[in-house]
């Protein structure tokens, strides 16, 4: 059974095990290692990708479920230059160890596509885990990206968490 899908705008075909998790196909077959293995139980979010634009945890999604769909990984997000969320992540110095950041960024991209001007409560619906605990900077980066995307500029905004 050949599974056809689009990854970062490029068509792909896979003739292997249709139950292989998308995460392992991305890492081991497509060579896209920005998507990370964290818990293997859809809990932590390190494996988050965009499936047809929606944040999806790829560690338990079988390839058979993604045939005919579009997948965007962190490598495909800023193909024409940095995405506003990626830029905000850099400007707010969000990452420490960086392990969870690809999943965090893709979850934020999904959120901003659905809620262009999110409240703190909206932002807190992102359930990706960060071992380093940079949640305040993550919130600030999402607000910054939202402002940039709406044309209000990229100045930092208050999230109510300033130290």
Protein backbone atom coordinates (compact mmCIF):
# COMPACT_ATOMS: atom_id res chain seq x y z
CA UNK A 1 0.00 0.00 0.00
CA UNK A 2 1.55 3.28 -1.10
CA UNK A 3 0.81 6.24 1.13
CA UNK A 4 1.00 9.62 -0.60
CA UNK A 5 1.28 12.83 1.37
CA UNK A 6 2.77 16.29 1.07
CA UNK A 7 5.49 17.36 3.48
CA UNK A 8 6.59 20.98 3.52
CA UNK A 9 5.11 21.46 0.07
CA UNK A 10 6.82 18.44 -1.53
CA UNK A 11 4.96 15.29 -2.56
CA UNK A 12 6.13 12.09 -0.88
CA UNK A 13 5.27 8.42 -1.21
CA UNK A 14 5.87 5.65 1.32
CA UNK A 15 5.55 1.91 0.69
CA UNK A 16 6.37 0.67 4.19
CA UNK A 17 4.39 -0.15 7.31
CA UNK A 18 1.17 1.93 7.27
CA UNK A 19 1.07 1.78 11.09
CA UNK A 20 4.44 3.51 11.44
CA UNK A 21 3.94 6.73 13.44
CA UNK A 22 4.28 9.88 11.38
CA UNK A 23 7.02 11.06 13.77
CA UNK A 24 9.31 8.18 12.83
CA UNK A 25 8.63 8.59 9.13
CA UNK A 26 9.56 12.28 9.37
CA UNK A 27 12.75 11.63 11.31
CA UNK A 28 13.98 8.34 9.86
CA UNK A 29 12.75 8.41 6.26
CA UNK A 30 12.27 12.09 5.38
CA UNK A 31 15.33 13.25 7.36
CA UNK A 32 13.34 16.00 9.11
CA UNK A 33 14.74 15.81 12.62
CA UNK A 34 13.31 19.09 13.94
CA UNK A 35 10.26 17.14 15.08
CA UNK A 36 11.30 15.54 18.36
CA UNK A 37 10.36 12.41 20.29
CA UNK A 38 9.39 13.32 23.82
CA UNK A 39 6.96 11.03 25.59
CA UNK A 40 5.47 8.85 22.85
CA UNK A 41 2.00 9.29 24.34
CA UNK A 42 0.73 12.58 22.78
CA UNK A 43 1.28 14.31 26.11
CA UNK A 44 4.33 16.58 25.87
CA UNK A 45 3.96 18.07 22.37
CA UNK A 46 7.62 17.82 21.30
CA UNK A 47 6.41 15.93 18.21
CA UNK A 48 3.87 18.58 17.12
CA UNK A 49 3.52 19.20 13.39
CA UNK A 50 0.81 20.91 11.35
CA UNK A 51 -1.55 18.47 9.66
CA UNK A 52 -3.53 20.45 7.10
CA UNK A 53 -2.69 23.52 9.19
CA UNK A 54 -3.81 22.06 12.53
CA UNK A 55 -1.37 21.30 15.35
CA UNK A 56 -1.13 17.52 15.65
CA UNK A 57 1.06 15.34 17.83
CA UNK A 58 2.77 13.00 15.40
CA UNK A 59 4.09 10.35 17.79
CA UNK A 60 0.98 8.16 17.66
CA UNK A 61 -0.56 9.17 14.32
CA UNK A 62 -0.08 6.27 11.88
CA UNK A 63 0.97 7.04 8.33
CA UNK A 64 -2.25 5.38 7.14
CA UNK A 65 -4.15 8.31 8.71
CA UNK A 66 -2.21 11.04 6.88
CA UNK A 67 -2.38 9.82 3.29
CA UNK A 68 -3.52 12.65 1.03
CA UNK A 69 -2.85 15.29 3.67
CA UNK A 70 -0.40 18.21 4.01
CA UNK A 71 2.19 18.08 6.78
CA UNK A 72 4.26 21.08 7.81
CA UNK A 73 7.25 20.58 10.07
CA UNK A 74 9.44 23.24 11.65
CA UNK A 75 11.80 22.89 8.67
CA UNK A 76 8.98 23.86 6.30
CA UNK A 77 7.53 26.70 8.33
CA UNK A 78 9.88 29.50 7.34
CA UNK A 79 10.85 28.40 3.85
CA UNK A 80 10.57 31.95 2.48
CA UNK A 81 12.15 33.58 5.55
CA UNK A 82 11.29 33.37 9.20
CA UNK A 83 7.64 33.04 10.10
CA UNK A 84 6.47 35.82 12.49
CA UNK A 85 6.25 33.26 15.31
CA UNK A 86 9.83 32.11 14.70
CA UNK A 87 10.97 35.73 14.64
CA UNK A 88 9.13 36.47 17.91
CA UNK A 89 10.73 33.40 19.51
CA UNK A 90 14.15 34.84 18.71
CA UNK A 91 13.24 38.38 19.76
CA UNK A 92 11.86 37.20 23.12
CA UNK A 93 14.79 34.80 23.63
CA UNK A 94 12.35 31.98 24.37
CA UNK A 95 14.48 28.88 23.93
CA UNK A 96 16.81 27.51 26.55
CA UNK A 97 17.53 23.86 25.78
CA UNK A 98 15.37 24.15 22.65
CA UNK A 99 14.07 20.59 22.67
CA UNK A 100 10.38 21.49 22.81
CA UNK A 101 10.57 24.66 20.74
CA UNK A 102 9.67 23.27 17.31
CA UNK A 103 6.46 21.83 18.74
CA UNK A 104 5.76 24.99 20.73
CA UNK A 105 6.20 27.17 17.63
CA UNK A 106 3.92 25.01 15.48
CA UNK A 107 1.27 24.97 18.22
CA UNK A 108 1.49 28.78 18.36
CA UNK A 109 1.15 29.04 14.56
CA UNK A 110 -2.03 26.96 14.76
CA UNK A 111 -3.39 29.07 17.63
CA UNK A 112 -2.74 32.35 15.80
CA UNK A 113 -4.41 31.02 12.65
CA UNK A 114 -7.54 30.31 14.70
CA UNK A 115 -7.33 33.22 17.18
CA UNK A 116 -5.41 36.15 15.64
CA UNK A 117 -5.46 38.22 18.85
CA UNK A 118 -5.34 35.66 21.64
CA UNK A 119 -5.91 36.39 25.30
CA UNK A 120 -3.75 34.83 27.97
CA UNK A 121 -6.46 32.20 28.43
CA UNK A 122 -6.30 31.41 24.71
CA UNK A 123 -2.51 31.10 24.85
CA UNK A 124 -2.73 28.86 27.87
CA UNK A 125 -4.77 26.35 25.84
CA UNK A 126 -1.46 25.31 24.26
CA UNK A 127 -0.57 22.26 26.31
CA UNK A 128 2.94 21.61 25.00
CA UNK A 129 5.37 21.09 27.86
CA UNK A 130 8.64 22.97 28.35
CA UNK A 131 11.18 21.42 30.70
CA UNK A 132 13.00 24.73 31.05
CA UNK A 133 9.80 26.51 32.08
CA UNK A 134 10.00 29.43 29.64
CA UNK A 135 6.22 29.79 29.61
CA UNK A 136 6.29 33.54 30.32
CA UNK A 137 8.57 34.12 27.33
CA UNK A 138 6.46 31.78 25.21
CA UNK A 139 3.37 33.86 26.04
CA UNK A 140 5.21 37.10 25.26
CA UNK A 141 6.44 35.72 21.94
CA UNK A 142 2.92 34.68 20.93
CA UNK A 143 1.59 38.14 21.75
CA UNK A 144 4.49 39.72 19.82
CA UNK A 145 3.82 37.52 16.79
CA UNK A 146 0.11 38.31 16.98
CA UNK A 147 0.85 42.03 16.92
CA UNK A 148 3.26 41.69 14.02
CA UNK A 149 0.80 39.58 12.04
CA UNK A 150 -2.01 42.09 12.65
CA UNK A 151 0.18 45.01 11.59
CA UNK A 152 0.35 46.49 15.09
CA UNK A 153 4.14 46.16 15.22
CA UNK A 154 6.34 43.72 17.05
CA UNK A 155 6.84 45.58 20.31
CA UNK A 156 6.68 43.35 23.36
CA UNK A 157 3.33 43.25 25.07
CA UNK A 158 2.33 42.61 28.63
CA UNK A 159 1.06 39.14 29.42
CA UNK A 160 0.63 39.81 33.09
CA UNK A 161 3.65 37.61 33.86
CA UNK A 162 6.51 40.05 33.89
CA UNK A 163 9.12 39.33 36.53
